[in-house]
Amino acid sequence: VVDMPPGTGDVQLTLTQKTLIDGAVVVSTPQEMALSDAR
């Protein structure tokens, strides 16, 4: 289980390029401000 950093930048892309990922779980709080980033 890999706890990823927030965001969608270099570190996230490196992870997808360095290992075969079988699946992802997305975490959000209920309010729209968080949901837009979860999208």
Full PDB file with SEQRES, HELIX, SHEET, SSBOND, CRYST1, ORIGX, SCALE, CONECT and MASTER records, all heavy atoms in Angstrom:
SEQRES   1 A   39  VAL VAL ASP MET PRO PRO GLY THR GLY ASP VAL GLN LEU          
SEQRES   2 A   39  THR LEU THR GLN LYS THR LEU ILE ASP GLY ALA VAL VAL          
SEQRES   3 A   39  VAL SER THR PRO GLN GLU MET ALA LEU SER ASP ALA ARG          
HELIX    1 AA1 ASP A   10  LYS A   18  1                                   9    
HELIX    2 AA2 GLU A   32  ALA A   38  1                                   7    
CRYST1    1.000    1.000    1.000  90.00  90.00  90.00 P 1           1          
ORIGX1      1.000000  0.000000  0.000000        0.00000                         
ORIGX2      0.000000  1.000000  0.000000        0.00000                         
ORIGX3      0.000000  0.000000  1.000000        0.00000                         
SCALE1      1.000000  0.000000  0.000000        0.00000                         
SCALE2      0.000000  1.000000  0.000000        0.00000                         
SCALE3      0.000000  0.000000  1.000000        0.00000                         
ATOM      1  N   VAL A   1       0.864  -1.185   0.000  1.00  0.00           N  
ATOM      2  CA  VAL A   1       0.000   0.000   0.000  1.00  0.00           C  
ATOM      3  C   VAL A   1       0.900   1.234   0.000  1.00  0.00           C  
ATOM      4  O   VAL A   1       1.742   1.389   0.891  1.00  0.00           O  
ATOM      5  CB  VAL A   1      -0.939   0.012   1.218  1.00  0.00           C  
ATOM      6  CG1 VAL A   1      -1.770   1.300   1.239  1.00  0.00           C  
ATOM      7  CG2 VAL A   1      -1.854  -1.202   1.200  1.00  0.00           C  
ATOM      8  N   VAL A   2       0.719   2.095  -0.980  1.00  0.00           N  
ATOM      9  CA  VAL A   2       1.557   3.288  -1.128  1.00  0.00           C  
ATOM     10  C   VAL A   2       0.726   4.526  -0.793  1.00  0.00           C  
ATOM     11  O   VAL A   2      -0.251   4.832  -1.482  1.00  0.00           O  
ATOM     12  CB  VAL A   2       2.123   3.405  -2.550  1.00  0.00           C  
ATOM     13  CG1 VAL A   2       3.036   4.623  -2.653  1.00  0.00           C  
ATOM     14  CG2 VAL A   2       2.879   2.144  -2.933  1.00  0.00           C  
ATOM     15  N   ASP A   3       1.119   5.220   0.250  1.00  0.00           N  
ATOM     16  CA  ASP A   3       0.483   6.490   0.625  1.00  0.00           C  
ATOM     17  C   ASP A   3       1.133   7.587  -0.199  1.00  0.00           C  
ATOM     18  O   ASP A   3       2.254   8.007   0.071  1.00  0.00           O  
ATOM     19  CB  ASP A   3       0.684   6.725   2.129  1.00  0.00           C  
ATOM     20  CG  ASP A   3       0.134   8.056   2.591  1.00  0.00           C  
ATOM     21  OD1 ASP A   3      -0.719   8.625   1.875  1.00  0.00           O  
ATOM     22  OD2 ASP A   3       0.553   8.537   3.666  1.00  0.00           O  
ATOM     23  N   MET A   4       0.434   8.054  -1.230  1.00  0.00           N  
ATOM     24  CA  MET A   4       1.003   9.025  -2.157  1.00  0.00           C  
ATOM     25  C   MET A   4       0.959  10.437  -1.595  1.00  0.00           C  
ATOM     26  O   MET A   4       0.090  10.745  -0.758  1.00  0.00           O  
ATOM     27  CB  MET A   4       0.247   8.988  -3.484  1.00  0.00           C  
ATOM     28  CG  MET A   4       0.403   7.694  -4.241  1.00  0.00           C  
ATOM     29  SD  MET A   4      -0.483   7.710  -5.814  1.00  0.00           S  
ATOM     30  CE  MET A   4       0.518   8.864  -6.758  1.00  0.00           C  
ATOM     31  N   PRO A   5       1.853  11.303  -2.039  1.00  0.00           N  
ATOM     32  CA  PRO A   5       1.769  12.712  -1.632  1.00  0.00           C  
ATOM     33  C   PRO A   5       0.567  13.371  -2.296  1.00  0.00           C  
ATOM     34  O   PRO A   5       0.062  12.874  -3.312  1.00  0.00           O  
ATOM     35  CB  PRO A   5       3.080  13.302  -2.142  1.00  0.00           C  
ATOM     36  CG  PRO A   5       3.474  12.425  -3.280  1.00  0.00           C  
ATOM     37  CD  PRO A   5       2.991  11.052  -2.939  1.00  0.00           C  
ATOM     38  N   PRO A   6       0.098  14.487  -1.746  1.00  0.00           N  
ATOM     39  CA  PRO A   6      -1.007  15.199  -2.400  1.00  0.00           C  
ATOM     40  C   PRO A   6      -0.558  15.801  -3.727  1.00  0.00           C  
ATOM     41  O   PRO A   6       0.623  16.059  -3.935  1.00  0.00           O  
ATOM     42  CB  PRO A   6      -1.376  16.284  -1.385  1.00  0.00           C  
ATOM     43  CG  PRO A   6      -0.133  16.483  -0.567  1.00  0.00           C  
ATOM     44  CD  PRO A   6       0.530  15.142  -0.504  1.00  0.00           C  
ATOM     45  N   GLY A   7      -1.511  16.012  -4.612  1.00  0.00           N  
ATOM     46  CA  GLY A   7      -1.190  16.642  -5.879  1.00  0.00           C  
ATOM     47  C   GLY A   7      -1.102  15.654  -7.028  1.00  0.00           C  
ATOM     48  O   GLY A   7      -1.373  14.460  -6.882  1.00  0.00           O  
ATOM     49  N   THR A   8      -0.673  16.166  -8.187  1.00  0.00           N  
ATOM     50  CA  THR A   8      -0.582  15.350  -9.404  1.00  0.00           C  
ATOM     51  C   THR A   8       0.685  15.731 -10.171  1.00  0.00           C  
ATOM     52  O   THR A   8       0.638  16.021 -11.365  1.00  0.00           O  
ATOM     53  CB  THR A   8      -1.822  15.563 -10.302  1.00  0.00           C  
ATOM     54  OG1 THR A   8      -1.982  16.978 -10.553  1.00  0.00           O  
ATOM     55  CG2 THR A   8      -3.076  15.048  -9.636  1.00  0.00           C  
ATOM     56  N   GLY A   9       1.833  15.727  -9.476  1.00  0.00           N  
ATOM     57  CA  GLY A   9       3.065  16.209 -10.086  1.00  0.00           C  
ATOM     58  C   GLY A   9       4.123  15.154 -10.305  1.00  0.00           C  
ATOM     59  O   GLY A   9       3.831  13.985 -10.568  1.00  0.00           O  
ATOM     60  N   ASP A  10       5.399  15.575 -10.183  1.00  0.00           N  
ATOM     61  CA  ASP A  10       6.541  14.727 -10.512  1.00  0.00           C  
ATOM     62  C   ASP A  10       6.541  13.399  -9.768  1.00  0.00           C  
ATOM     63  O   ASP A  10       6.776  12.345 -10.359  1.00  0.00           O  
ATOM     64  CB  ASP A  10       7.850  15.465 -10.188  1.00  0.00           C  
ATOM     65  CG  ASP A  10       8.187  16.541 -11.205  1.00  0.00           C  
ATOM     66  OD1 ASP A  10       7.522  16.566 -12.250  1.00  0.00           O  
ATOM     67  OD2 ASP A  10       9.091  17.344 -10.943  1.00  0.00           O  
ATOM     68  N   VAL A  11       6.338  13.464  -8.445  1.00  0.00           N  
ATOM     69  CA  VAL A  11       6.451  12.247  -7.641  1.00  0.00           C  
ATOM     70  C   VAL A  11       5.383  11.237  -8.044  1.00  0.00           C  
ATOM     71  O   VAL A  11       5.649  10.031  -8.156  1.00  0.00           O  
ATOM     72  CB  VAL A  11       6.361  12.584  -6.143  1.00  0.00           C  
ATOM     73  CG1 VAL A  11       6.371  11.319  -5.300  1.00  0.00           C  
ATOM     74  CG2 VAL A  11       7.524  13.491  -5.729  1.00  0.00           C  
ATOM     75  N   GLN A  12       4.165  11.717  -8.277  1.00  0.00           N  
ATOM     76  CA  GLN A  12       3.091  10.811  -8.678  1.00  0.00           C  
ATOM     77  C   GLN A  12       3.397  10.156 -10.030  1.00  0.00           C  
ATOM     78  O   GLN A  12       3.192   8.950 -10.207  1.00  0.00           O  
ATOM     79  CB  GLN A  12       1.760  11.576  -8.771  1.00  0.00           C  
ATOM     80  CG  GLN A  12       1.183  11.992  -7.438  1.00  0.00           C  
ATOM     81  CD  GLN A  12       1.793  13.287  -6.923  1.00  0.00           C  
ATOM     82  OE1 GLN A  12       2.725  13.840  -7.500  1.00  0.00           O  
ATOM     83  NE2 GLN A  12       1.264  13.776  -5.821  1.00  0.00           N  
ATOM     84  N   LEU A  13       3.890  10.956 -10.980  1.00  0.00           N  
ATOM     85  CA  LEU A  13       4.221  10.410 -12.291  1.00  0.00           C  
ATOM     86  C   LEU A  13       5.385   9.424 -12.205  1.00  0.00           C  
ATOM     87  O   LEU A  13       5.402   8.408 -12.892  1.00  0.00           O  
ATOM     88  CB  LEU A  13       4.550  11.546 -13.260  1.00  0.00           C  
ATOM     89  CG  LEU A  13       3.361  12.434 -13.650  1.00  0.00           C  
ATOM     90  CD1 LEU A  13       3.839  13.603 -14.498  1.00  0.00           C  
ATOM     91  CD2 LEU A  13       2.298  11.638 -14.387  1.00  0.00           C  
ATOM     92  N   THR A  14       6.362   9.730 -11.363  1.00  0.00           N  
ATOM     93  CA  THR A  14       7.491   8.809 -11.178  1.00  0.00           C  
ATOM     94  C   THR A  14       7.001   7.454 -10.695  1.00  0.00           C  
ATOM     95  O   THR A  14       7.454   6.405 -11.168  1.00  0.00           O  
ATOM     96  CB  THR A  14       8.501   9.388 -10.168  1.00  0.00           C  
ATOM     97  OG1 THR A  14       9.079  10.570 -10.716  1.00  0.00           O  
ATOM     98  CG2 THR A  14       9.612   8.386  -9.868  1.00  0.00           C  
ATOM     99  N   LEU A  15       6.066   7.473  -9.755  1.00  0.00           N  
ATOM    100  CA  LEU A  15       5.548   6.218  -9.214  1.00  0.00           C  
ATOM    101  C   LEU A  15       4.896   5.379 -10.304  1.00  0.00           C  
ATOM    102  O   LEU A  15       5.127   4.173 -10.400  1.00  0.00           O  
ATOM    103  CB  LEU A  15       4.547   6.510  -8.097  1.00  0.00           C  
ATOM    104  CG  LEU A  15       4.015   5.299  -7.334  1.00  0.00           C  
ATOM    105  CD1 LEU A  15       5.150   4.597  -6.607  1.00  0.00           C  
ATOM    106  CD2 LEU A  15       2.940   5.717  -6.346  1.00  0.00           C  
ATOM    107  N   THR A  16       4.097   6.021 -11.159  1.00  0.00           N  
ATOM    108  CA  THR A  16       3.417   5.267 -12.212  1.00  0.00           C  
ATOM    109  C   THR A  16       4.393   4.752 -13.258  1.00  0.00           C  
ATOM    110  O   THR A  16       4.108   3.770 -13.949  1.00  0.00           O  
ATOM    111  CB  THR A  16       2.342   6.134 -12.902  1.00  0.00           C  
ATOM    112  OG1 THR A  16       2.959   7.260 -13.526  1.00  0.00           O  
ATOM    113  CG2 THR A  16       1.303   6.614 -11.903  1.00  0.00           C  
ATOM    114  N   GLN A  17       5.556   5.394 -13.371  1.00  0.00           N  
ATOM    115  CA  GLN A  17       6.558   4.973 -14.349  1.00  0.00           C  
ATOM    116  C   GLN A  17       7.525   3.937 -13.800  1.00  0.00           C  
ATOM    117  O   GLN A  17       8.179   3.230 -14.564  1.00  0.00           O  
ATOM    118  CB  GLN A  17       7.334   6.185 -14.857  1.00  0.00           C  
ATOM    119  CG  GLN A  17       6.488   7.152 -15.677  1.00  0.00           C  
ATOM    120  CD  GLN A  17       7.219   8.458 -15.966  1.00  0.00           C  
ATOM    121  OE1 GLN A  17       8.315   8.692 -15.470  1.00  0.00           O  
ATOM    122  NE2 GLN A  17       6.605   9.315 -16.759  1.00  0.00           N  
ATOM    123  N   LYS A  18       7.631   3.836 -12.476  1.00  0.00           N  
ATOM    124  CA  LYS A  18       8.615   2.955 -11.869  1.00  0.00           C  
ATOM    125  C   LYS A  18       8.043   1.624 -11.417  1.00  0.00           C  
ATOM    126  O   LYS A  18       8.794   0.684 -11.166  1.00  0.00           O  
ATOM    127  CB  LYS A  18       9.282   3.653 -10.673  1.00  0.00           C  
ATOM    128  CG  LYS A  18      10.151   4.850 -11.041  1.00  0.00           C  
ATOM    129  CD  LYS A  18      11.327   4.451 -11.898  1.00  0.00           C  
ATOM    130  CE  LYS A  18      12.218   5.644 -12.219  1.00  0.00           C  
ATOM    131  NZ  LYS A  18      13.363   5.268 -13.078  1.00  0.00           N  
ATOM    132  N   THR A  19       6.743   1.517 -11.260  1.00  0.00           N  
ATOM    133  CA  THR A  19       6.171   0.251 -10.809  1.00  0.00           C  
ATOM    134  C   THR A  19       4.817   0.025 -11.448  1.00  0.00           C  
ATOM    135  O   THR A  19       4.083   0.978 -11.735  1.00  0.00           O  
ATOM    136  CB  THR A  19       6.042   0.210  -9.274  1.00  0.00           C  
ATOM    137  OG1 THR A  19       5.659  -1.105  -8.861  1.00  0.00           O  
ATOM    138  CG2 THR A  19       5.015   1.201  -8.775  1.00  0.00           C  
ATOM    139  N   LEU A  20       4.495  -1.224 -11.671  1.00  0.00           N  
ATOM    140  CA  LEU A  20       3.186  -1.595 -12.183  1.00  0.00           C  
ATOM    141  C   LEU A  20       2.179  -1.492 -11.046  1.00  0.00           C  
ATOM    142  O   LEU A  20       2.323  -2.163 -10.027  1.00  0.00           O  
ATOM    143  CB  LEU A  20       3.237  -3.023 -12.727  1.00  0.00           C  
ATOM    144  CG  LEU A  20       1.967  -3.570 -13.367  1.00  0.00           C  
ATOM    145  CD1 LEU A  20       1.585  -2.730 -14.577  1.00  0.00           C  
ATOM    146  CD2 LEU A  20       2.185  -5.023 -13.771  1.00  0.00           C  
ATOM    147  N   ILE A  21       1.197  -0.625 -11.204  1.00  0.00           N  
ATOM    148  CA  ILE A  21       0.213  -0.380 -10.150  1.00  0.00           C  
ATOM    149  C   ILE A  21      -1.066  -1.137 -10.473  1.00  0.00           C  
ATOM    150  O   ILE A  21      -1.613  -1.017 -11.572  1.00  0.00           O  
ATOM    151  CB  ILE A  21      -0.072   1.128 -10.013  1.00  0.00           C  
ATOM    152  CG1 ILE A  21       1.215   1.874  -9.620  1.00  0.00           C  
ATOM    153  CG2 ILE A  21      -1.166   1.385  -8.985  1.00  0.00           C  
ATOM    154  CD1 ILE A  21       1.070   3.381  -9.649  1.00  0.00           C  
ATOM    155  N   ASP A  22      -1.544  -1.905  -9.518  1.00  0.00           N  
ATOM    156  CA  ASP A  22      -2.726  -2.737  -9.748  1.00  0.00           C  
ATOM    157  C   ASP A  22      -4.029  -1.987  -9.509  1.00  0.00           C  
ATOM    158  O   ASP A  22      -5.069  -2.394 -10.022  1.00  0.00           O  
ATOM    159  CB  ASP A  22      -2.665  -3.971  -8.840  1.00  0.00           C  
ATOM    160  CG  ASP A  22      -1.488  -4.858  -9.195  1.00  0.00           C  
ATOM    161  OD1 ASP A  22      -1.604  -5.650 -10.142  1.00  0.00           O  
ATOM    162  OD2 ASP A  22      -0.443  -4.751  -8.534  1.00  0.00           O  
ATOM    163  N   GLY A  23      -3.989  -0.926  -8.726  1.00  0.00           N  
ATOM    164  CA  GLY A  23      -5.208  -0.170  -8.489  1.00  0.00           C  
ATOM    165  C   GLY A  23      -4.953   1.016  -7.586  1.00  0.00           C  
ATOM    166  O   GLY A  23      -3.931   1.095  -6.894  1.00  0.00           O  
ATOM    167  N   ALA A  24      -5.903   1.960  -7.615  1.00  0.00           N  
ATOM    168  CA  ALA A  24      -5.773   3.182  -6.822  1.00  0.00           C  
ATOM    169  C   ALA A  24      -7.052   3.420  -6.026  1.00  0.00           C  
ATOM    170  O   ALA A  24      -8.151   3.095  -6.477  1.00  0.00           O  
ATOM    171  CB  ALA A  24      -5.491   4.377  -7.724  1.00  0.00           C  
ATOM    172  N   VAL A  25      -6.878   4.003  -4.854  1.00  0.00           N  
ATOM    173  CA  VAL A  25      -7.991   4.443  -4.010  1.00  0.00           C  
ATOM    174  C   VAL A  25      -7.873   5.953  -3.859  1.00  0.00           C  
ATOM    175  O   VAL A  25      -6.772   6.471  -3.604  1.00  0.00           O  
ATOM    176  CB  VAL A  25      -7.945   3.761  -2.629  1.00  0.00           C  
ATOM    177  CG1 VAL A  25      -9.008   4.353  -1.705  1.00  0.00           C  
ATOM    178  CG2 VAL A  25      -8.147   2.260  -2.766  1.00  0.00           C  
ATOM    179  N   VAL A  26      -8.974   6.659  -4.034  1.00  0.00           N  
ATOM    180  CA  VAL A  26      -8.992   8.119  -3.924  1.00  0.00           C  
ATOM    181  C   VAL A  26      -9.737   8.501  -2.652  1.00  0.00           C  
ATOM    182  O   VAL A  26     -10.831   7.978  -2.372  1.00  0.00           O  
ATOM    183  CB  VAL A  26      -9.666   8.762  -5.147  1.00  0.00           C  
ATOM    184  CG1 VAL A  26      -9.792  10.273  -4.971  1.00  0.00           C  
ATOM    185  CG2 VAL A  26      -8.871   8.442  -6.410  1.00  0.00           C  
ATOM    186  N   VAL A  27      -9.145   9.418  -1.870  1.00  0.00           N  
ATOM    187  CA  VAL A  27      -9.724   9.867  -0.600  1.00  0.00           C  
ATOM    188  C   VAL A  27     -10.174  11.313  -0.731  1.00  0.00           C  
ATOM    189  O   VAL A  27      -9.461  12.149  -1.285  1.00  0.00           O  
ATOM    190  CB  VAL A  27      -8.697   9.751   0.548  1.00  0.00           C  
ATOM    191  CG1 VAL A  27      -9.314  10.197   1.875  1.00  0.00           C  
ATOM    192  CG2 VAL A  27      -8.169   8.323   0.659  1.00  0.00           C  
ATOM    193  N   SER A  28     -11.360  11.603  -0.204  1.00  0.00           N  
ATOM    194  CA  SER A  28     -11.852  12.980  -0.208  1.00  0.00           C  
ATOM    195  C   SER A  28     -12.699  13.217   1.035  1.00  0.00           C  
ATOM    196  O   SER A  28     -13.216  12.276   1.643  1.00  0.00           O  
ATOM    197  CB  SER A  28     -12.698  13.245  -1.460  1.00  0.00           C  
ATOM    198  OG  SER A  28     -13.145  14.598  -1.486  1.00  0.00           O  
ATOM    199  N   THR A  29     -12.821  14.469   1.408  1.00  0.00           N  
ATOM    200  CA  THR A  29     -13.819  14.862   2.394  1.00  0.00           C  
ATOM    201  C   THR A  29     -15.073  15.286   1.627  1.00  0.00           C  
ATOM    202  O   THR A  29     -15.040  15.436   0.412  1.00  0.00           O  
ATOM    203  CB  THR A  29     -13.283  15.997   3.287  1.00  0.00           C  
ATOM    204  OG1 THR A  29     -12.693  17.006   2.454  1.00  0.00           O  
ATOM    205  CG2 THR A  29     -12.231  15.476   4.252  1.00  0.00           C  
ATOM    206  N   PRO A  30     -16.209  15.488   2.301  1.00  0.00           N  
ATOM    207  CA  PRO A  30     -17.479  15.660   1.583  1.00  0.00           C  
ATOM    208  C   PRO A  30     -17.639  16.969   0.820  1.00  0.00           C  
ATOM    209  O   PRO A  30     -18.414  17.030  -0.132  1.00  0.00           O  
ATOM    210  CB  PRO A  30     -18.537  15.557   2.698  1.00  0.00           C  
ATOM    211  CG  PRO A  30     -17.850  14.914   3.852  1.00  0.00           C  
ATOM    212  CD  PRO A  30     -16.423  15.336   3.754  1.00  0.00           C  
ATOM    213  N   GLN A  31     -16.932  18.032   1.224  1.00  0.00           N  
ATOM    214  CA  GLN A  31     -17.231  19.340   0.643  1.00  0.00           C  
ATOM    215  C   GLN A  31     -16.657  19.483  -0.761  1.00  0.00           C  
ATOM    216  O   GLN A  31     -15.682  18.842  -1.126  1.00  0.00           O  
ATOM    217  CB  GLN A  31     -16.734  20.472   1.552  1.00  0.00           C  
ATOM    218  CG  GLN A  31     -15.239  20.649   1.626  1.00  0.00           C  
ATOM    219  CD  GLN A  31     -14.616  19.827   2.724  1.00  0.00           C  
ATOM    220  OE1 GLN A  31     -14.971  18.683   2.958  1.00  0.00           O  
ATOM    221  NE2 GLN A  31     -13.631  20.410   3.405  1.00  0.00           N  
ATOM    222  N   GLU A  32     -17.242  20.361  -1.545  1.00  0.00           N  
ATOM    223  CA  GLU A  32     -16.907  20.509  -2.959  1.00  0.00           C  
ATOM    224  C   GLU A  32     -15.455  20.897  -3.174  1.00  0.00           C  
ATOM    225  O   GLU A  32     -14.826  20.480  -4.157  1.00  0.00           O  
ATOM    226  CB  GLU A  32     -17.832  21.547  -3.604  1.00  0.00           C  
ATOM    227  CG  GLU A  32     -17.607  21.750  -5.097  1.00  0.00           C  
ATOM    228  CD  GLU A  32     -17.749  20.466  -5.895  1.00  0.00           C  
ATOM    229  OE1 GLU A  32     -18.620  19.647  -5.556  1.00  0.00           O  
ATOM    230  OE2 GLU A  32     -16.966  20.274  -6.845  1.00  0.00           O  
ATOM    231  N   MET A  33     -14.881  21.696  -2.280  1.00  0.00           N  
ATOM    232  CA  MET A  33     -13.491  22.131  -2.448  1.00  0.00           C  
ATOM    233  C   MET A  33     -12.548  20.931  -2.526  1.00  0.00           C  
ATOM    234  O   MET A  33     -11.605  20.911  -3.323  1.00  0.00           O  
ATOM    235  CB  MET A  33     -13.073  23.045  -1.287  1.00  0.00           C  
ATOM    236  CG  MET A  33     -11.686  23.655  -1.453  1.00  0.00           C  
ATOM    237  SD  MET A  33     -11.224  24.686  -0.054  1.00  0.00           S  
ATOM    238  CE  MET A  33     -12.513  25.927  -0.108  1.00  0.00           C  
ATOM    239  N   ALA A  34     -12.809  19.915  -1.688  1.00  0.00           N  
ATOM    240  CA  ALA A  34     -11.977  18.711  -1.721  1.00  0.00           C  
ATOM    241  C   ALA A  34     -12.341  17.818  -2.886  1.00  0.00           C  
ATOM    242  O   ALA A  34     -11.476  17.192  -3.509  1.00  0.00           O  
ATOM    243  CB  ALA A  34     -12.125  17.950  -0.405  1.00  0.00           C  
ATOM    244  N   LEU A  35     -13.620  17.764  -3.222  1.00  0.00           N  
ATOM    245  CA  LEU A  35     -14.071  16.877  -4.291  1.00  0.00           C  
ATOM    246  C   LEU A  35     -13.495  17.272  -5.644  1.00  0.00           C  
ATOM    247  O   LEU A  35     -13.186  16.412  -6.475  1.00  0.00           O  
ATOM    248  CB  LEU A  35     -15.603  16.871  -4.351  1.00  0.00           C  
ATOM    249  CG  LEU A  35     -16.310  16.223  -3.159  1.00  0.00           C  
ATOM    250  CD1 LEU A  35     -17.797  16.527  -3.194  1.00  0.00           C  
ATOM    251  CD2 LEU A  35     -16.068  14.717  -3.157  1.00  0.00           C  
ATOM    252  N   SER A  36     -13.339  18.563  -5.896  1.00  0.00           N  
ATOM    253  CA  SER A  36     -12.795  18.997  -7.184  1.00  0.00           C  
ATOM    254  C   SER A  36     -11.372  18.492  -7.360  1.00  0.00           C  
ATOM    255  O   SER A  36     -10.960  18.119  -8.469  1.00  0.00           O  
ATOM    256  CB  SER A  36     -12.845  20.527  -7.291  1.00  0.00           C  
ATOM    257  OG  SER A  36     -12.062  21.133  -6.273  1.00  0.00           O  
ATOM    258  N   ASP A  37     -10.597  18.475  -6.267  1.00  0.00           N  
ATOM    259  CA  ASP A  37      -9.231  17.957  -6.351  1.00  0.00           C  
ATOM    260  C   ASP A  37      -9.229  16.441  -6.461  1.00  0.00           C  
ATOM    261  O   ASP A  37      -8.359  15.851  -7.116  1.00  0.00           O  
ATOM    262  CB  ASP A  37      -8.422  18.407  -5.137  1.00  0.00           C  
ATOM    263  CG  ASP A  37      -8.131  19.901  -5.162  1.00  0.00           C  
ATOM    264  OD1 ASP A  37      -7.496  20.355  -6.123  1.00  0.00           O  
ATOM    265  OD2 ASP A  37      -8.553  20.610  -4.238  1.00  0.00           O  
ATOM    266  N   ALA A  38     -10.189  15.788  -5.796  1.00  0.00           N  
ATOM    267  CA  ALA A  38     -10.283  14.332  -5.914  1.00  0.00           C  
ATOM    268  C   ALA A  38     -10.572  13.932  -7.357  1.00  0.00           C  
ATOM    269  O   ALA A  38     -10.075  12.913  -7.854  1.00  0.00           O  
ATOM    270  CB  ALA A  38     -11.375  13.808  -4.979  1.00  0.00           C  
ATOM    271  N   ARG A  39     -11.386  14.731  -8.045  1.00  0.00           N  
ATOM    272  CA  ARG A  39     -11.655  14.455  -9.468  1.00  0.00           C  
ATOM    273  C   ARG A  39     -10.355  14.491 -10.272  1.00  0.00           C  
ATOM    274  O   ARG A  39     -10.160  13.701 -11.197  1.00  0.00           O  
ATOM    275  CB  ARG A  39     -12.634  15.486 -10.036  1.00  0.00           C  
ATOM    276  CG  ARG A  39     -14.055  15.344  -9.530  1.00  0.00           C  
ATOM    277  CD  ARG A  39     -15.003  16.255 -10.296  1.00  0.00           C  
ATOM    278  NE  ARG A  39     -16.298  16.299  -9.644  1.00  0.00           N  
ATOM    279  CZ  ARG A  39     -16.668  17.215  -8.753  1.00  0.00           C  
ATOM    280  NH1 ARG A  39     -15.821  18.184  -8.418  1.00  0.00           N  
ATOM    281  NH2 ARG A  39     -17.854  17.176  -8.208  1.00  0.00           N  
TER     282      ARG A  39                                                      
MASTER        0    0    0    2    0    0    0    6  281    1    0    3          
END                                                                             
